[in-house]
Protein backbone atom coordinates (compact mmCIF):
# COMPACT_ATOMS: atom_id res chain seq x y z
CA MET A 1 -229.02 48.09 19.77
CA THR A 2 -228.37 45.98 22.87
CA ARG A 3 -224.92 46.43 24.36
CA PRO A 4 -223.59 45.29 27.73
CA ILE A 5 -223.47 48.00 30.39
CA THR A 6 -220.50 47.86 32.73
CA LEU A 7 -219.26 49.78 35.74
CA PHE A 8 -215.73 51.18 35.62
CA THR A 9 -214.09 50.22 38.91
CA GLY A 10 -211.45 52.96 38.97
CA GLN A 11 -213.48 55.21 41.27
CA TRP A 12 -214.29 52.22 43.50
CA ALA A 13 -210.75 50.97 44.05
CA ASP A 14 -210.93 51.90 47.75
CA LEU A 15 -213.30 48.93 48.08
CA PRO A 16 -212.27 45.28 47.77
CA PHE A 17 -212.91 43.76 44.35
CA GLU A 18 -215.41 41.27 45.74
CA GLU A 19 -217.44 44.09 47.31
CA VAL A 20 -217.55 46.03 44.03
CA CYS A 21 -218.72 42.86 42.27
CA ARG A 22 -221.47 42.43 44.86
CA LEU A 23 -222.67 46.01 44.47
CA ALA A 24 -222.57 46.07 40.66
CA SER A 25 -224.38 42.74 40.40
CA GLY A 26 -227.04 43.85 42.85
CA TRP A 27 -227.72 46.97 40.82
CA GLY A 28 -228.02 44.97 37.60
CA TYR A 29 -224.82 45.78 35.72
CA ASP A 30 -223.79 43.24 33.11
CA GLY A 31 -220.12 43.39 34.02
CA LEU A 32 -217.14 45.50 34.96
CA GLU A 33 -214.49 47.58 33.27
CA ILE A 34 -211.78 46.51 35.71
CA ALA A 35 -209.14 49.01 36.85
CA CYS A 36 -205.57 47.78 37.27
CA TRP A 37 -205.15 49.30 40.73
CA GLY A 38 -206.39 48.72 44.25
CA ASP A 39 -206.88 44.97 44.60
CA HIS A 40 -209.03 44.88 41.47
CA PHE A 41 -206.46 43.60 38.96
CA ASP A 42 -202.69 43.18 39.24
CA VAL A 43 -201.19 42.75 35.78
CA ARG A 44 -197.94 41.26 37.08
CA ALA A 45 -199.79 38.65 39.10
CA ALA A 46 -201.94 37.91 36.07
CA VAL A 47 -198.93 37.06 33.90
CA GLU A 48 -196.76 35.40 36.58
CA ASP A 49 -199.28 33.43 38.67
CA ASP A 50 -201.31 30.87 36.71
CA SER A 51 -203.97 30.79 39.42
CA TYR A 52 -204.60 34.55 39.52
CA VAL A 53 -206.82 35.04 36.45
CA PRO A 54 -208.99 31.96 37.16
CA ARG A 55 -209.64 33.32 40.67
CA LYS A 56 -210.75 36.68 39.24
CA LEU A 57 -213.02 34.99 36.72
CA GLU A 58 -214.47 32.83 39.47
CA THR A 59 -215.32 35.93 41.52
CA LEU A 60 -216.99 37.54 38.52
CA ALA A 61 -218.98 34.40 37.75
CA LYS A 62 -220.07 34.13 41.37
CA HIS A 63 -221.78 37.52 40.96
CA ASP A 64 -223.02 36.84 37.41
CA LEU A 65 -220.73 39.49 35.92
CA LYS A 66 -218.56 39.52 32.81
CA VAL A 67 -215.54 41.54 31.73
CA TRP A 68 -214.82 42.95 28.28
CA THR A 69 -212.20 45.56 29.17
CA ILE A 70 -209.47 46.34 31.66
CA SER A 71 -208.05 49.82 32.25
CA ASN A 72 -204.55 50.94 33.19
CA HIS A 73 -204.73 54.70 33.02
CA LEU A 74 -202.33 55.32 35.90
CA VAL A 75 -199.34 53.45 34.54
CA GLY A 76 -199.99 54.52 30.95
CA GLN A 77 -199.78 58.14 32.09
CA ALA A 78 -196.13 57.71 33.04
CA VAL A 79 -194.98 56.32 29.68
CA CYS A 80 -194.64 59.75 28.02
CA ASP A 81 -195.14 62.32 30.77
CA ASP A 82 -192.74 65.19 31.30
CA PRO A 83 -192.19 66.14 34.05
CA ILE A 84 -192.33 63.00 36.18
CA ASP A 85 -192.78 64.04 39.79
CA GLU A 86 -194.54 63.34 43.10
CA ARG A 87 -197.93 63.22 41.35
CA HIS A 88 -196.82 60.06 39.59
CA GLN A 89 -195.36 58.56 42.75
CA ALA A 90 -198.83 58.88 44.30
CA ILE A 91 -200.52 56.82 41.56
CA LEU A 92 -197.91 54.30 40.40
CA PRO A 93 -197.09 50.87 41.81
CA ALA A 94 -193.83 50.94 43.76
CA ARG A 95 -192.25 48.60 41.21
CA VAL A 96 -192.88 51.18 38.47
CA TRP A 97 -191.88 54.24 40.50
CA GLY A 98 -188.65 52.64 41.72
CA ASP A 99 -186.15 55.35 42.64
CA GLY A 100 -188.18 58.02 40.85
CA GLU A 101 -185.54 58.81 38.23
CA PRO A 102 -187.80 60.06 35.38
CA GLU A 103 -186.46 58.08 32.45
CA GLY A 104 -186.38 54.92 34.53
CA VAL A 105 -190.02 55.49 35.52
CA ARG A 106 -190.99 55.87 31.86
CA ARG A 107 -189.18 52.69 30.84
CA ARG A 108 -190.71 50.66 33.67
CA ALA A 109 -194.16 52.08 32.85
CA ALA A 110 -193.74 50.96 29.24
CA GLU A 111 -192.86 47.43 30.37
CA GLU A 112 -195.89 47.41 32.67
CA MET A 113 -198.14 48.37 29.76
CA LYS A 114 -196.72 45.49 27.73
CA ALA A 115 -197.54 43.23 30.69
CA THR A 116 -201.04 44.74 30.72
CA ALA A 117 -201.61 43.57 27.14
CA ARG A 118 -200.50 40.06 28.07
CA ALA A 119 -202.66 40.08 31.20
CA ALA A 120 -205.70 41.19 29.17
CA ALA A 121 -205.17 38.31 26.77
CA ARG A 122 -205.00 35.86 29.68
CA LEU A 123 -208.22 37.30 31.06
CA GLY A 124 -209.89 36.84 27.69
CA VAL A 125 -210.53 40.52 26.89
CA ASP A 126 -209.48 42.26 23.70
CA THR A 127 -209.34 45.92 24.80
CA VAL A 128 -207.23 47.85 27.29
CA VAL A 129 -208.34 51.41 28.06
CA GLY A 130 -205.84 53.96 29.30
CA PHE A 131 -203.83 57.12 29.06
CA THR A 132 -200.61 57.72 27.15
CA GLY A 133 -199.11 60.65 29.00
CA SER A 134 -197.60 63.51 27.02
CA ALA A 135 -194.23 65.21 26.78
CA ILE A 136 -195.91 68.37 25.43
CA TRP A 137 -199.07 68.89 27.49
CA HIS A 138 -197.15 71.39 29.63
CA LEU A 139 -196.73 73.50 26.47
CA VAL A 140 -200.48 74.07 26.03
CA ALA A 141 -200.34 77.49 27.78
CA MET A 142 -198.24 78.68 24.82
CA PHE A 143 -195.96 81.09 26.71
CA PRO A 144 -193.13 81.39 26.26
CA PRO A 145 -193.97 80.84 22.58
CA VAL A 146 -193.62 77.20 21.53
CA PRO A 147 -191.67 76.40 18.36
CA ALA A 148 -193.41 73.93 16.09
CA ALA A 149 -190.36 71.66 16.35
CA MET A 150 -190.99 71.16 20.07
CA VAL A 151 -194.52 69.96 19.38
CA GLU A 152 -193.28 67.65 16.62
CA ARG A 153 -190.73 66.18 19.01
CA GLY A 154 -193.57 65.43 21.42
CA TYR A 155 -195.44 63.36 18.83
CA THR A 156 -192.22 61.62 17.82
CA ASP A 157 -191.54 60.82 21.47
CA PHE A 158 -195.05 59.37 21.79
CA ALA A 159 -194.59 57.17 18.73
CA ASP A 160 -191.13 56.03 19.80
CA ARG A 161 -192.36 55.00 23.25
CA TRP A 162 -195.73 53.53 22.32
CA ASN A 163 -194.97 51.64 19.11
CA PRO A 164 -192.97 48.95 20.96
CA ILE A 165 -195.84 48.64 23.44
CA LEU A 166 -198.33 48.34 20.59
CA ASP A 167 -196.17 45.63 19.04
CA VAL A 168 -196.93 43.50 22.11
CA PHE A 169 -200.63 44.37 21.85
CA ASP A 170 -200.52 43.08 18.26
CA GLU A 171 -198.68 39.92 19.31
CA VAL A 172 -201.38 38.94 21.81
CA GLY A 173 -204.41 40.14 19.84
CA VAL A 174 -205.39 43.02 22.13
CA ARG A 175 -206.16 46.66 21.25
CA PHE A 176 -205.32 49.82 23.17
CA ALA A 177 -208.13 52.39 23.52
CA HIS A 178 -206.60 55.76 24.38
CA GLU A 179 -208.89 58.01 26.40
CA VAL A 180 -208.95 61.42 24.72
CA HIS A 181 -208.42 63.66 27.70
CA PRO A 182 -206.54 66.80 28.78
CA SER A 183 -202.95 65.99 29.85
CA GLU A 184 -202.68 63.32 27.12
CA ILE A 185 -201.05 63.27 23.70
CA ALA A 186 -204.57 63.38 22.20
CA TYR A 187 -206.99 65.63 24.09
CA ASP A 188 -209.24 67.11 21.37
CA HIS A 189 -210.07 66.62 17.69
CA TRP A 190 -206.87 67.78 16.02
CA THR A 191 -204.51 66.29 18.57
CA THR A 192 -206.31 62.98 18.02
CA VAL A 193 -205.64 63.30 14.29
CA ARG A 194 -201.96 63.94 14.98
CA ALA A 195 -201.64 61.07 17.45
CA LEU A 196 -203.14 58.61 14.96
CA GLU A 197 -200.80 59.92 12.27
CA ALA A 198 -197.81 59.58 14.60
CA VAL A 199 -198.35 55.81 14.96
CA GLY A 200 -199.26 55.32 11.32
CA HIS A 201 -202.94 54.61 12.02
CA ARG A 202 -201.98 51.14 13.18
CA PRO A 203 -205.06 49.14 14.23
CA ALA A 204 -203.67 48.37 17.70
CA PHE A 205 -204.18 52.03 18.67
CA GLY A 206 -207.75 53.30 18.95
CA LEU A 207 -209.87 55.47 21.18
CA ASN A 208 -211.95 55.34 24.31
CA TRP A 209 -214.81 57.79 23.76
CA ASP A 210 -215.70 59.74 26.90
CA PRO A 211 -217.58 62.97 26.11
CA SER A 212 -217.18 64.60 29.52
CA HIS A 213 -213.89 66.36 28.80
CA MET A 214 -214.93 67.24 25.27
CA MET A 215 -217.81 69.40 26.45
CA TRP A 216 -215.84 72.01 28.37
CA GLN A 217 -213.36 72.21 25.48
CA ASP A 218 -216.20 72.92 23.01
CA VAL A 219 -215.49 69.69 21.12
CA ASP A 220 -218.69 68.17 19.74
CA PRO A 221 -218.84 64.56 21.00
CA VAL A 222 -221.29 63.54 18.24
CA ASN A 223 -219.07 64.78 15.42
CA PHE A 224 -216.12 63.15 17.17
CA LEU A 225 -217.86 59.78 16.96
CA TYR A 226 -218.54 60.22 13.28
CA ASP A 227 -215.06 61.53 12.41
CA PHE A 228 -213.26 58.73 14.26
CA ARG A 229 -215.89 56.02 13.79
CA ASP A 230 -213.36 53.34 12.79
CA ARG A 231 -211.33 53.96 15.97
CA ILE A 232 -213.98 53.88 18.67
CA TYR A 233 -212.85 50.80 20.60
CA HIS A 234 -214.61 51.51 23.89
CA VAL A 235 -217.18 53.89 25.39
CA ASP A 236 -217.22 55.46 28.85
CA CYS A 237 -220.31 57.36 30.02
CA LYS A 238 -219.41 60.31 32.21
CA ASP A 239 -221.41 63.54 32.19
CA THR A 240 -220.32 67.16 32.60
CA ARG A 241 -222.25 70.17 33.81
CA LEU A 242 -221.16 73.51 32.37
CA ARG A 243 -221.84 76.45 34.65
CA ALA A 244 -222.78 79.82 33.25
CA ARG A 245 -219.85 82.15 32.75
CA ASP A 246 -220.15 84.97 35.26
CA GLY A 247 -216.85 86.76 34.78
CA ARG A 248 -215.24 84.72 37.55
CA ARG A 249 -215.49 81.11 36.37
CA GLY A 250 -212.67 80.40 33.93
CA ARG A 251 -212.71 77.50 31.52
CA LEU A 252 -209.65 75.94 33.16
CA SER A 253 -211.29 76.06 36.60
CA SER A 254 -208.62 77.97 38.54
CA HIS A 255 -207.01 74.95 40.29
CA LEU A 256 -210.21 74.57 42.32
CA PRO A 257 -211.10 71.06 43.55
CA TRP A 258 -213.86 68.86 42.10
CA GLY A 259 -217.27 69.84 43.42
CA ASP A 260 -216.31 73.44 44.20
CA LEU A 261 -219.18 75.59 42.92
CA ARG A 262 -216.74 78.28 41.82
CA ARG A 263 -215.55 75.96 39.03
CA SER A 264 -216.84 76.52 35.50
CA TRP A 265 -217.60 72.81 35.04
CA ASP A 266 -217.78 69.57 36.97
CA PHE A 267 -218.56 65.90 36.52
CA VAL A 268 -222.12 64.91 37.36
CA SER A 269 -224.15 61.72 37.28
CA THR A 270 -224.85 60.50 33.75
CA GLY A 271 -227.97 62.20 32.43
CA ARG A 272 -227.77 65.14 34.81
CA GLY A 273 -225.35 67.28 32.81
CA ASP A 274 -224.91 68.86 29.39
CA VAL A 275 -223.71 65.95 27.25
CA PRO A 276 -226.27 65.44 24.41
CA TRP A 277 -226.66 61.78 25.27
CA GLU A 278 -229.53 60.92 22.93
CA ASP A 279 -227.69 62.27 19.89
CA CYS A 280 -224.54 60.50 21.06
CA PHE A 281 -226.26 57.13 21.30
CA ARG A 282 -227.90 57.62 17.93
CA ALA A 283 -224.40 58.24 16.58
CA LEU A 284 -223.04 55.13 18.30
CA ASN A 285 -225.79 53.13 16.62
CA ALA A 286 -225.08 54.71 13.25
CA ILE A 287 -221.35 53.91 13.34
CA GLY A 288 -222.12 50.34 14.39
CA TYR A 289 -220.50 50.40 17.81
CA ASP A 290 -221.56 47.20 19.57
CA GLY A 291 -219.09 47.03 22.46
CA PRO A 292 -219.65 47.70 26.15
CA ILE A 293 -221.01 50.97 27.53
CA SER A 294 -219.16 51.68 30.76
CA VAL A 295 -220.52 53.97 33.45
CA GLU A 296 -217.71 56.02 35.00
CA TRP A 297 -218.67 57.53 38.33
CA GLU A 298 -217.03 60.84 39.37
CA ASP A 299 -219.84 63.03 40.72
CA ALA A 300 -218.44 64.78 43.80
CA GLY A 301 -221.90 66.06 44.71
CA MET A 302 -223.84 62.78 44.89
CA ASP A 303 -223.45 59.62 46.94
CA ARG A 304 -222.08 56.99 44.59
CA LEU A 305 -224.26 54.25 46.09
CA GLN A 306 -227.27 56.26 44.95
CA GLY A 307 -225.85 57.58 41.71
CA ALA A 308 -224.38 54.44 40.18
CA PRO A 309 -227.72 52.57 39.96
CA GLN A 310 -229.46 55.72 38.71
CA ALA A 311 -226.85 56.08 35.97
CA LEU A 312 -227.39 52.45 34.98
CA GLU A 313 -231.11 53.00 34.49
CA TYR A 314 -230.48 56.12 32.43
CA VAL A 315 -227.98 54.36 30.17
CA ARG A 316 -230.35 51.41 29.74
CA GLY A 317 -232.91 53.80 28.29
CA LEU A 318 -230.35 55.27 25.88
CA ASN A 319 -229.27 51.79 24.83
CA ALA A 320 -232.81 51.15 23.54
CA ILE A 321 -232.69 54.02 21.02
CA THR A 322 -232.98 52.92 17.41
CA PRO A 323 -232.64 55.74 14.86
CA PRO A 324 -234.49 55.72 11.52
CA GLU A 325 -232.61 54.10 8.65
CA GLY A 326 -230.11 56.56 7.11
CA ALA A 327 -230.86 59.36 9.56
CA PHE A 328 -227.25 59.91 10.57
CA ASP A 329 -225.85 59.88 7.04
CA ALA A 330 -228.60 62.27 6.00
CA ALA A 331 -227.56 64.69 8.72
CA PHE A 332 -223.81 64.44 8.03
CA GLY A 333 -223.81 63.93 4.30
CA GLY A 334 -222.64 60.33 4.25
CA ASP A 335 -219.24 59.30 2.89
């Protein structure tokens, strides 16, 4: 199955947008998954300045690139997060951070996500990838013991804050693809089930499938694709290497920085880690996913100018896989 292969610009936002376009085009990418930070895409400018989107499209066309998706992880994180603190100030636009009062930050983040939906529609894309934040992620450690009512309030808070945002997504014909990821309202299989239930399985809310964080949690990324096959709205390719447990490396990685060899896992260039990519792409074919495949670069141990084109070639090979008729249903028992 032929699908466009894009480069997620989030890890390249230190470079001007035009330079990222030049690099991606030179390597042979079909397009970009454009991040809404750096100078790559400003959602407010997109909805307030009629000349902004045409200029972005002109730059893309100049480099023979297309866009199917934009991503606003950083602002989405602040919609539900508790606590809101200096970490958020470091990633949010000044207009969203404001005076830093937590509830004000959450409200402004929600309005920015509504603007993101409108900006996506103006750009001509139908999917926004991002985070949701979570009022209950800080309860994962489970001590002091967490009453079930606190967890329920977290999912209610998520629904109360995100349903009005999703109403705008519906209005403009755009979908939100939540990246299942630690620190979010949905970070593994069962929390994804609960998040979908919390918003009534409304079509505006789907998933961005990125297997990298599933691996170290022992969540099978292939089964995840099959179980949530009607909600896979976007795909990010990021690989993870799991290091052998030696009695020192803990699963949660001990607050050690990316690339530190004392960690139990790290991101690596696609195809160089432990994600079962061939099985994953066979599953993507079987569920009929025909959207973009986006390479997300976060390997702290490899130069990105070398790794990004290598990852592209690896994903191209995976994209050519065609499984035998009925093979996936035979393995999983069908419906």
